[in-house]
Amino acid sequence: MMEFTLRNDELYCEDVPLAEIAEKIGTPCFVYSTAALLKAYEDLDRAFSGVEHLICFSVKSNGNLAVLSLLSRHGAGMDIVSRGELFRSLKAGVPAERIVYSGVGKTREEIRYALESGILSFNVESLPELEALDREAGLLGKRAPVSLRINPDVESHTHEYTATGKKENKFGIPYAGALQAYAQAAGYRNLEIRGIDTHIGSQITSFEPFIQAFRKIADLFNTLRNKGFDLQFCDIGGGLGIAYRDETPLTAEQYASAVRPILEPLGCRIILEPGRFISGNAGVLLTRVIHFKQTGVRNFAVVDAGMNDLIRPSLYGAYHEILPVHANGGPEVKMDVVGPICESGDWLAKDRQLPKLKEGDLLCVNSAGAYSYTMSSNYNSRPRGAEVLVDGRKYRVVRRAETYDDLIRGEEV
């Protein structure tokens, strides 16, 4: 997290003290670094230079309009999984022809909206989806651009909830049935087959799963070409991991060096769908200590951010580094950092060594730029905090904190 640094015992985002943001904006709040977002994007873009490619940022990882707009202005497309994410992307100014639509449950209404918007391609996840696309495209007098998401049955060595490339997962069309699926797709008059797609999971930190999957996809790509399919692109999904703790993730250059020899001979456009790799370490969550509670058995730092703000620790047992915004150099104490939610599963960290904390102390939860705000909720009727984008010495609120009126908007007695 190179753009989040300690200066004179105080944490900064780029050239802005995090304490300044917390004081003016309030906590909990998410803070994103423009420089970190662009560096990760540009590293990946540079690693694939010389190959026709399109980087479609995964909107589910971070859907803030300012983040999407920033990446789009630098050439990114978007990988979406819902009508809401398409709506969000278009509002951020992303050209529809740079948007690919993934997801296992596209409704007919969502399909119509995407067809009318003119997206680049639907990543088709099942045979029934082919039929639905053909029908809706016919009703609109259009041809639906499609690629088939093929499940290569590769072990990605990640958390079971984020593995998507095994045959028992709900995603994609089984590899063994791929040729039959393409033959069926070719029989629909209102479909235009543009490519092939795969995505094997998230937070992958080694070469092997990608190499195994892409070799199988490349073989299938060539077989389809030989059978007369005019495939324009190969969508290799996302999945590149980041360092949350002691992981050694692949750099963009290492990843490209490993997979380009497999993909370049295909002679087509390569589409990538990174999310966490770009935004994960570009954001933090700021939270204040409400109480420091000692029970005689455990110590608890009770903070104002909970599982409604950051559910990854509760959901996945995920590790996020937590640092005091002001380093006091005092002796460390083992503690749990927990939120105010009425659930025993409401925790941000367990058995963590931190300086003894007191009411009002400010903490920074690292690696919170992906799958954090997008997975947040109003559980326990708690308004969600603001999102802030830093650019050098400047910062601005790019999503205001919710009010209590926001909590009941749309409800009636």
Protein backbone atom coordinates (compact mmCIF):
# COMPACT_ATOMS: atom_id res chain seq x y z
CA MET A 1 0.00 0.00 0.00
CA MET A 2 2.58 2.46 -1.24
CA GLU A 3 0.31 5.52 -1.23
CA PHE A 4 -0.54 5.07 2.47
CA THR A 5 2.56 6.04 4.43
CA LEU A 6 3.68 6.93 7.94
CA ARG A 7 5.12 10.44 8.27
CA ASN A 8 6.24 11.77 11.63
CA ASP A 9 4.24 9.01 13.36
CA GLU A 10 1.05 9.86 11.46
CA LEU A 11 -0.60 7.95 8.59
CA TYR A 12 -1.15 9.74 5.29
CA CYS A 13 -2.98 8.94 2.07
CA GLU A 14 -0.80 10.49 -0.62
CA ASP A 15 -0.20 13.98 0.85
CA VAL A 16 -3.27 14.15 3.10
CA PRO A 17 -3.21 13.21 6.80
CA LEU A 18 -5.89 10.57 7.39
CA ALA A 19 -6.72 12.26 10.69
CA GLU A 20 -7.68 15.40 8.79
CA ILE A 21 -10.17 13.45 6.70
CA ALA A 22 -11.61 11.74 9.78
CA GLU A 23 -12.04 15.05 11.58
CA LYS A 24 -13.76 16.81 8.69
CA ILE A 25 -15.76 13.93 7.18
CA GLY A 26 -16.42 11.73 10.21
CA THR A 27 -16.05 8.00 10.79
CA PRO A 28 -16.48 5.35 9.66
CA CYS A 29 -15.44 6.34 6.16
CA PHE A 30 -13.59 4.84 3.22
CA VAL A 31 -10.62 6.65 1.71
CA TYR A 32 -9.27 5.87 -1.77
CA SER A 33 -6.01 6.92 -3.42
CA THR A 34 -6.14 8.16 -7.01
CA ALA A 35 -2.44 7.40 -7.48
CA ALA A 36 -2.80 3.83 -6.23
CA LEU A 37 -5.80 3.13 -8.45
CA LEU A 38 -4.06 4.44 -11.55
CA LYS A 39 -0.74 2.76 -10.80
CA ALA A 40 -2.34 -0.70 -10.55
CA TYR A 41 -4.36 -0.11 -13.72
CA GLU A 42 -1.41 1.26 -15.66
CA ASP A 43 0.92 -1.53 -14.48
CA LEU A 44 -1.47 -4.11 -15.93
CA ASP A 45 -2.07 -2.09 -19.09
CA ARG A 46 1.69 -1.77 -19.63
CA ALA A 47 2.28 -5.47 -18.98
CA PHE A 48 0.01 -6.32 -21.94
CA SER A 49 1.37 -3.63 -24.25
CA GLY A 50 1.93 -4.90 -27.77
CA VAL A 51 -1.13 -7.13 -27.52
CA GLU A 52 -4.58 -5.83 -28.42
CA HIS A 53 -6.37 -5.82 -25.09
CA LEU A 54 -9.08 -4.21 -22.98
CA ILE A 55 -9.05 -4.03 -19.20
CA CYS A 56 -12.62 -4.20 -17.89
CA PHE A 57 -12.61 -3.24 -14.22
CA SER A 58 -14.85 -5.42 -12.06
CA VAL A 59 -17.54 -3.06 -10.80
CA LYS A 60 -18.58 -5.45 -8.03
CA SER A 61 -15.25 -4.79 -6.31
CA ASN A 62 -15.75 -1.03 -6.08
CA GLY A 63 -18.68 0.68 -7.77
CA ASN A 64 -18.13 4.29 -6.74
CA LEU A 65 -18.93 6.57 -9.69
CA ALA A 66 -15.76 8.61 -9.20
CA VAL A 67 -13.60 5.49 -9.23
CA LEU A 68 -15.31 4.15 -12.36
CA SER A 69 -15.05 7.52 -14.10
CA LEU A 70 -11.36 7.85 -13.21
CA LEU A 71 -10.49 4.44 -14.66
CA SER A 72 -12.69 4.96 -17.71
CA ARG A 73 -10.95 8.24 -18.56
CA HIS A 74 -7.70 6.27 -18.67
CA GLY A 75 -9.10 3.71 -21.10
CA ALA A 76 -10.73 1.08 -18.89
CA GLY A 77 -13.92 -0.74 -19.65
CA MET A 78 -16.15 -2.40 -17.06
CA ASP A 79 -17.13 -5.94 -16.11
CA ILE A 80 -20.67 -5.85 -14.73
CA VAL A 81 -23.00 -8.43 -13.19
CA SER A 82 -26.33 -6.57 -12.90
CA ARG A 83 -28.51 -3.87 -14.42
CA GLY A 84 -27.56 -1.66 -11.49
CA GLU A 85 -23.87 -1.99 -12.30
CA LEU A 86 -24.59 -1.20 -15.96
CA PHE A 87 -26.63 1.85 -14.93
CA ARG A 88 -23.81 2.92 -12.62
CA SER A 89 -21.15 2.45 -15.32
CA LEU A 90 -23.08 4.44 -17.91
CA LYS A 91 -23.71 7.24 -15.39
CA ALA A 92 -19.93 7.33 -14.77
CA GLY A 93 -19.41 7.97 -18.50
CA VAL A 94 -18.12 4.52 -19.46
CA PRO A 95 -18.75 3.83 -23.17
CA ALA A 96 -21.17 0.92 -23.55
CA GLU A 97 -18.90 -0.68 -26.15
CA ARG A 98 -16.32 -1.19 -23.37
CA ILE A 99 -18.70 -3.10 -21.07
CA VAL A 100 -18.97 -6.89 -20.71
CA TYR A 101 -21.88 -8.41 -18.80
CA SER A 102 -21.16 -11.45 -16.61
CA GLY A 103 -23.37 -13.17 -14.03
CA VAL A 104 -25.44 -16.32 -13.77
CA GLY A 105 -28.88 -14.74 -13.35
CA LYS A 106 -29.54 -12.07 -15.96
CA THR A 107 -33.27 -11.36 -16.06
CA ARG A 108 -35.06 -10.59 -19.32
CA GLU A 109 -35.48 -6.98 -18.22
CA GLU A 110 -31.72 -6.73 -17.60
CA ILE A 111 -30.97 -8.31 -20.97
CA ARG A 112 -33.20 -5.79 -22.75
CA TYR A 113 -31.55 -2.86 -20.97
CA ALA A 114 -28.08 -4.10 -21.93
CA LEU A 115 -29.10 -4.74 -25.55
CA GLU A 116 -30.58 -1.28 -25.85
CA SER A 117 -27.43 0.21 -24.31
CA GLY A 118 -25.18 -1.46 -26.90
CA ILE A 119 -22.70 -3.30 -24.66
CA LEU A 120 -19.65 -5.12 -26.03
CA SER A 121 -20.71 -8.64 -25.02
CA PHE A 122 -22.77 -10.86 -22.77
CA ASN A 123 -20.66 -13.49 -20.99
CA VAL A 124 -23.19 -16.32 -21.20
CA GLU A 125 -23.26 -18.68 -18.22
CA SER A 126 -25.81 -21.34 -19.31
CA LEU A 127 -27.82 -22.78 -22.19
CA PRO A 128 -31.12 -21.30 -20.93
CA GLU A 129 -29.44 -17.89 -21.01
CA LEU A 130 -28.68 -18.38 -24.72
CA GLU A 131 -32.36 -18.95 -25.37
CA ALA A 132 -33.37 -15.90 -23.33
CA LEU A 133 -30.85 -13.71 -25.17
CA ASP A 134 -32.04 -14.91 -28.56
CA ARG A 135 -35.68 -14.26 -27.68
CA GLU A 136 -35.13 -10.76 -26.27
CA ALA A 137 -32.81 -9.75 -29.10
CA GLY A 138 -35.41 -10.92 -31.61
CA LEU A 139 -38.14 -8.87 -29.94
CA LEU A 140 -35.92 -5.78 -30.18
CA GLY A 141 -34.81 -6.49 -33.73
CA LYS A 142 -31.21 -6.76 -32.62
CA ARG A 143 -28.45 -9.35 -32.54
CA ALA A 144 -27.06 -10.06 -29.07
CA PRO A 145 -23.24 -10.12 -28.92
CA VAL A 146 -22.16 -13.14 -26.87
CA SER A 147 -19.18 -15.04 -25.55
CA LEU A 148 -19.66 -18.28 -23.64
CA ARG A 149 -18.17 -18.50 -20.18
CA ILE A 150 -16.44 -21.87 -20.05
CA ASN A 151 -15.70 -23.48 -16.70
CA PRO A 152 -12.30 -25.22 -17.12
CA ASP A 153 -12.60 -27.23 -13.86
CA VAL A 154 -9.33 -25.87 -12.42
CA GLU A 155 -8.53 -25.61 -8.72
CA SER A 156 -7.69 -21.98 -7.96
CA HIS A 157 -6.44 -22.51 -4.38
CA THR A 158 -8.46 -19.66 -2.96
CA HIS A 159 -11.31 -19.37 -0.45
CA GLU A 160 -14.18 -21.73 -1.26
CA TYR A 161 -16.58 -18.78 -1.51
CA THR A 162 -14.45 -17.07 -4.18
CA ALA A 163 -13.52 -20.11 -6.29
CA THR A 164 -15.55 -20.09 -9.51
CA GLY A 165 -13.74 -22.40 -11.93
CA LYS A 166 -14.56 -25.87 -10.56
CA LYS A 167 -17.21 -28.08 -12.12
CA GLU A 168 -19.26 -28.02 -8.91
CA ASN A 169 -19.51 -24.20 -8.98
CA LYS A 170 -22.63 -22.46 -10.29
CA PHE A 171 -20.68 -20.43 -12.81
CA GLY A 172 -20.18 -21.06 -16.51
CA ILE A 173 -20.69 -23.91 -18.92
CA PRO A 174 -18.78 -27.13 -18.22
CA TYR A 175 -15.69 -27.56 -20.37
CA ALA A 176 -16.86 -30.99 -21.55
CA GLY A 177 -20.03 -29.41 -22.97
CA ALA A 178 -18.41 -26.35 -24.55
CA LEU A 179 -18.44 -27.48 -28.19
CA GLN A 180 -22.08 -28.50 -27.95
CA ALA A 181 -22.93 -25.15 -26.35
CA TYR A 182 -21.23 -23.21 -29.14
CA ALA A 183 -23.02 -25.35 -31.73
CA GLN A 184 -26.32 -24.54 -30.04
CA ALA A 185 -25.47 -20.84 -29.91
CA ALA A 186 -24.70 -20.88 -33.64
CA GLY A 187 -28.23 -22.13 -34.29
CA TYR A 188 -29.87 -18.98 -32.90
CA ARG A 189 -30.59 -16.33 -35.50
CA ASN A 190 -30.44 -13.39 -33.09
CA LEU A 191 -27.03 -14.11 -31.52
CA GLU A 192 -23.61 -12.97 -32.70
CA ILE A 193 -20.82 -15.14 -31.27
CA ARG A 194 -17.89 -12.84 -30.56
CA GLY A 195 -15.59 -14.71 -28.22
CA ILE A 196 -14.84 -17.07 -25.37
CA ASP A 197 -14.74 -16.26 -21.67
CA THR A 198 -13.48 -17.81 -18.45
CA HIS A 199 -12.99 -16.74 -14.84
CA ILE A 200 -11.64 -19.18 -12.25
CA GLY A 201 -11.87 -17.25 -8.99
CA SER A 202 -10.60 -14.38 -6.89
CA GLN A 203 -7.53 -13.62 -4.75
CA ILE A 204 -5.31 -16.07 -6.66
CA THR A 205 -1.61 -15.66 -5.85
CA SER A 206 0.17 -18.28 -7.99
CA PHE A 207 0.77 -18.93 -11.70
CA GLU A 208 -0.44 -22.50 -11.92
CA PRO A 209 -4.23 -22.05 -11.86
CA PHE A 210 -4.10 -19.40 -14.58
CA ILE A 211 -1.74 -21.41 -16.78
CA GLN A 212 -3.82 -24.59 -16.46
CA ALA A 213 -7.07 -22.76 -17.21
CA PHE A 214 -5.78 -20.67 -20.11
CA ARG A 215 -4.14 -23.63 -21.83
CA LYS A 216 -7.49 -25.40 -21.86
CA ILE A 217 -9.28 -22.28 -23.06
CA ALA A 218 -6.67 -21.69 -25.79
CA ASP A 219 -7.08 -25.27 -27.03
CA LEU A 220 -10.84 -24.78 -27.15
CA PHE A 221 -10.44 -21.40 -28.88
CA ASN A 222 -8.35 -22.99 -31.65
CA THR A 223 -10.78 -25.88 -32.03
CA LEU A 224 -13.67 -23.46 -32.44
CA ARG A 225 -11.75 -21.39 -34.97
CA ASN A 226 -11.04 -24.56 -36.94
CA LYS A 227 -14.76 -25.32 -36.91
CA GLY A 228 -15.50 -21.97 -38.52
CA PHE A 229 -16.32 -19.76 -35.53
CA ASP A 230 -15.09 -16.20 -36.07
CA LEU A 231 -13.96 -15.45 -32.52
CA GLN A 232 -12.82 -11.87 -31.99
CA PHE A 233 -11.65 -11.99 -28.38
CA CYS A 234 -10.65 -14.19 -25.48
CA ASP A 235 -11.86 -12.93 -22.10
CA ILE A 236 -9.58 -14.35 -19.38
CA GLY A 237 -11.47 -12.91 -16.41
CA GLY A 238 -9.79 -11.54 -13.32
CA GLY A 239 -8.65 -13.15 -10.09
CA LEU A 240 -5.24 -11.61 -9.47
CA GLY A 241 -4.65 -11.43 -5.73
CA ILE A 242 -3.17 -8.75 -3.51
CA ALA A 243 -1.20 -8.71 -0.26
CA TYR A 244 -3.49 -8.51 2.76
CA ARG A 245 -0.97 -9.97 5.20
CA ASP A 246 2.01 -12.10 4.18
CA GLU A 247 0.89 -13.21 0.71
CA THR A 248 3.28 -12.85 -2.22
CA PRO A 249 0.91 -12.03 -5.07
CA LEU A 250 1.87 -11.90 -8.72
CA THR A 251 2.86 -8.54 -10.12
CA ALA A 252 1.24 -7.43 -13.36
CA GLU A 253 4.49 -8.10 -15.19
CA GLN A 254 4.86 -11.61 -13.71
CA TYR A 255 1.27 -12.45 -14.60
CA ALA A 256 1.61 -11.20 -18.16
CA SER A 257 4.92 -12.99 -18.65
CA ALA A 258 3.29 -16.27 -17.62
CA VAL A 259 0.10 -16.03 -19.68
CA ARG A 260 1.06 -14.05 -22.79
CA PRO A 261 2.88 -17.02 -24.40
CA ILE A 262 -0.40 -18.96 -24.18
CA LEU A 263 -2.65 -16.14 -25.38
CA GLU A 264 -0.68 -14.23 -28.00
CA PRO A 265 -0.69 -17.07 -30.56
CA LEU A 266 -4.50 -16.85 -30.62
CA GLY A 267 -4.16 -13.61 -32.57
CA CYS A 268 -7.19 -11.99 -30.99
CA ARG A 269 -8.08 -9.26 -28.56
CA ILE A 270 -7.54 -10.16 -24.90
CA ILE A 271 -10.06 -8.92 -22.33
CA LEU A 272 -9.11 -8.85 -18.65
CA GLU A 273 -11.51 -8.34 -15.73
CA PRO A 274 -9.45 -7.26 -12.69
CA GLY A 275 -11.14 -5.79 -9.64
CA ARG A 276 -9.33 -6.37 -6.35
CA PHE A 277 -5.93 -6.09 -8.10
CA ILE A 278 -6.72 -2.47 -8.99
CA SER A 279 -8.79 -1.23 -6.05
CA GLY A 280 -8.03 -3.53 -3.09
CA ASN A 281 -4.90 -1.84 -1.77
CA ALA A 282 -6.00 1.57 -3.03
CA GLY A 283 -8.44 2.07 -0.13
CA VAL A 284 -8.70 2.04 3.66
CA LEU A 285 -11.48 2.19 6.21
CA LEU A 286 -11.15 4.78 8.99
CA THR A 287 -12.82 4.03 12.31
CA ARG A 288 -12.75 5.45 15.86
CA VAL A 289 -12.55 3.63 19.15
CA ILE A 290 -15.74 3.93 21.19
CA HIS A 291 -14.49 1.99 24.23
CA PHE A 292 -11.56 -0.15 25.26
CA LYS A 293 -13.16 -3.01 27.15
CA GLN A 294 -11.34 -5.50 29.39
CA THR A 295 -13.19 -8.57 30.63
CA GLY A 296 -10.40 -10.41 32.42
CA VAL A 297 -10.43 -12.99 29.63
CA ARG A 298 -10.08 -10.82 26.53
CA ASN A 299 -9.48 -7.22 25.58
CA PHE A 300 -11.84 -5.55 23.12
CA ALA A 301 -11.40 -2.36 21.15
CA VAL A 302 -15.01 -1.48 20.32
CA VAL A 303 -15.02 0.75 17.23
CA ASP A 304 -17.67 2.60 15.23
CA ALA A 305 -17.23 0.45 12.09
CA GLY A 306 -18.78 -2.98 12.07
CA MET A 307 -19.60 -5.94 9.88
CA ASN A 308 -22.19 -3.78 8.13
CA ASP A 309 -19.30 -1.61 6.86
CA LEU A 310 -16.72 -4.35 6.23
CA ILE A 311 -18.12 -7.88 6.19
CA ARG A 312 -15.07 -9.70 4.82
CA PRO A 313 -13.65 -10.71 8.24
CA SER A 314 -17.01 -12.06 9.39
CA LEU A 315 -17.88 -13.69 6.06
CA TYR A 316 -14.52 -15.09 4.99
CA GLY A 317 -12.42 -14.94 8.15
CA ALA A 318 -10.41 -12.43 6.14
CA TYR A 319 -7.36 -10.64 7.53
CA HIS A 320 -7.06 -6.86 7.25
CA GLU A 321 -4.07 -5.10 8.74
CA ILE A 322 -5.13 -2.49 11.33
CA LEU A 323 -2.89 0.42 12.30
CA PRO A 324 -3.30 3.38 14.66
CA VAL A 325 -3.45 6.57 12.61
CA HIS A 326 -1.18 8.14 15.22
CA ALA A 327 1.68 5.85 16.26
CA ASN A 328 2.16 6.31 20.01
CA GLY A 329 4.98 3.82 20.53
CA GLY A 330 3.36 2.44 23.65
CA PRO A 331 3.44 -1.20 24.76
CA GLU A 332 1.26 -3.50 22.70
CA VAL A 333 -1.70 -5.47 24.05
CA LYS A 334 -3.46 -8.43 22.49
CA MET A 335 -7.04 -7.50 21.64
CA ASP A 336 -10.03 -8.10 19.38
CA VAL A 337 -11.17 -5.16 17.28
CA VAL A 338 -14.95 -5.41 17.20
CA GLY A 339 -17.85 -3.35 15.93
CA PRO A 340 -21.12 -2.16 17.50
CA ILE A 341 -23.36 -4.68 15.71
CA CYS A 342 -25.39 -7.08 17.83
CA GLU A 343 -23.71 -10.23 16.48
CA SER A 344 -20.85 -12.24 17.96
CA GLY A 345 -19.53 -12.45 14.41
CA ASP A 346 -19.10 -8.68 14.27
CA TRP A 347 -15.32 -8.31 14.31
CA LEU A 348 -12.62 -6.71 12.21
CA ALA A 349 -9.66 -8.46 13.84
CA LYS A 350 -9.00 -11.11 16.47
CA ASP A 351 -5.99 -11.58 18.75
CA ARG A 352 -4.27 -8.56 17.25
CA GLN A 353 -1.27 -6.91 18.91
CA LEU A 354 -1.91 -3.17 19.07
CA PRO A 355 -0.96 -0.35 21.42
CA LYS A 356 -3.47 -0.06 24.25
CA LEU A 357 -6.29 2.06 22.86
CA LYS A 358 -8.62 4.60 24.40
CA GLU A 359 -11.85 6.29 23.44
CA GLY A 360 -11.42 8.52 20.40
CA ASP A 361 -8.32 6.83 19.02
CA LEU A 362 -8.39 6.59 15.23
CA LEU A 363 -7.65 3.31 13.46
CA CYS A 364 -6.93 2.58 9.81
CA VAL A 365 -8.14 -0.74 8.34
CA ASN A 366 -5.97 -1.48 5.33
CA SER A 367 -6.77 -3.17 2.01
CA ALA A 368 -10.39 -1.99 2.09
CA GLY A 369 -10.71 -0.70 -1.45
CA ALA A 370 -12.37 -3.83 -2.84
CA TYR A 371 -15.42 -5.80 -1.73
CA SER A 372 -15.91 -3.44 1.20
CA TYR A 373 -18.35 -0.61 0.56
CA THR A 374 -19.96 -2.65 -2.24
CA MET A 375 -20.78 -5.41 0.28
CA SER A 376 -21.86 -3.05 3.07
CA SER A 377 -25.37 -2.82 4.48
CA ASN A 378 -27.63 -0.93 6.88
CA TYR A 379 -27.89 -3.84 9.32
CA ASN A 380 -28.93 -2.67 12.81
CA SER A 381 -30.25 0.46 11.02
CA ARG A 382 -26.79 1.96 10.81
CA PRO A 383 -26.19 4.61 8.13
CA ARG A 384 -23.16 3.91 5.96
CA GLY A 385 -20.25 6.33 6.05
CA ALA A 386 -18.77 8.49 3.33
CA GLU A 387 -16.36 7.59 0.55
CA VAL A 388 -13.47 9.98 -0.07
CA LEU A 389 -11.09 10.18 -3.04
CA VAL A 390 -7.63 11.65 -2.48
CA ASP A 391 -5.54 13.16 -5.27
CA GLY A 392 -2.20 14.50 -4.07
CA ARG A 393 -2.92 17.15 -1.44
CA LYS A 394 -6.59 17.42 -2.41
CA TYR A 395 -9.49 15.24 -1.44
CA ARG A 396 -13.22 15.25 -1.98
CA VAL A 397 -16.25 13.35 -0.80
CA VAL A 398 -17.35 11.11 -3.68
CA ARG A 399 -20.24 9.59 -1.73
CA ARG A 400 -21.73 11.45 1.20
CA ALA A 401 -22.42 9.68 4.46
CA GLU A 402 -25.98 8.42 4.75
CA THR A 403 -28.44 10.18 7.03
CA TYR A 404 -31.13 8.61 9.17
CA ASP A 405 -33.67 9.83 6.62
CA ASP A 406 -31.80 7.78 4.02
CA LEU A 407 -32.46 4.69 6.15
CA ILE A 408 -36.23 4.95 5.75
CA ARG A 409 -36.37 6.39 2.25
CA GLY A 410 -39.05 4.56 0.28
CA GLU A 411 -40.80 3.10 3.34
CA GLU A 412 -44.39 3.78 4.35
CA VAL A 413 -46.35 3.31 7.55
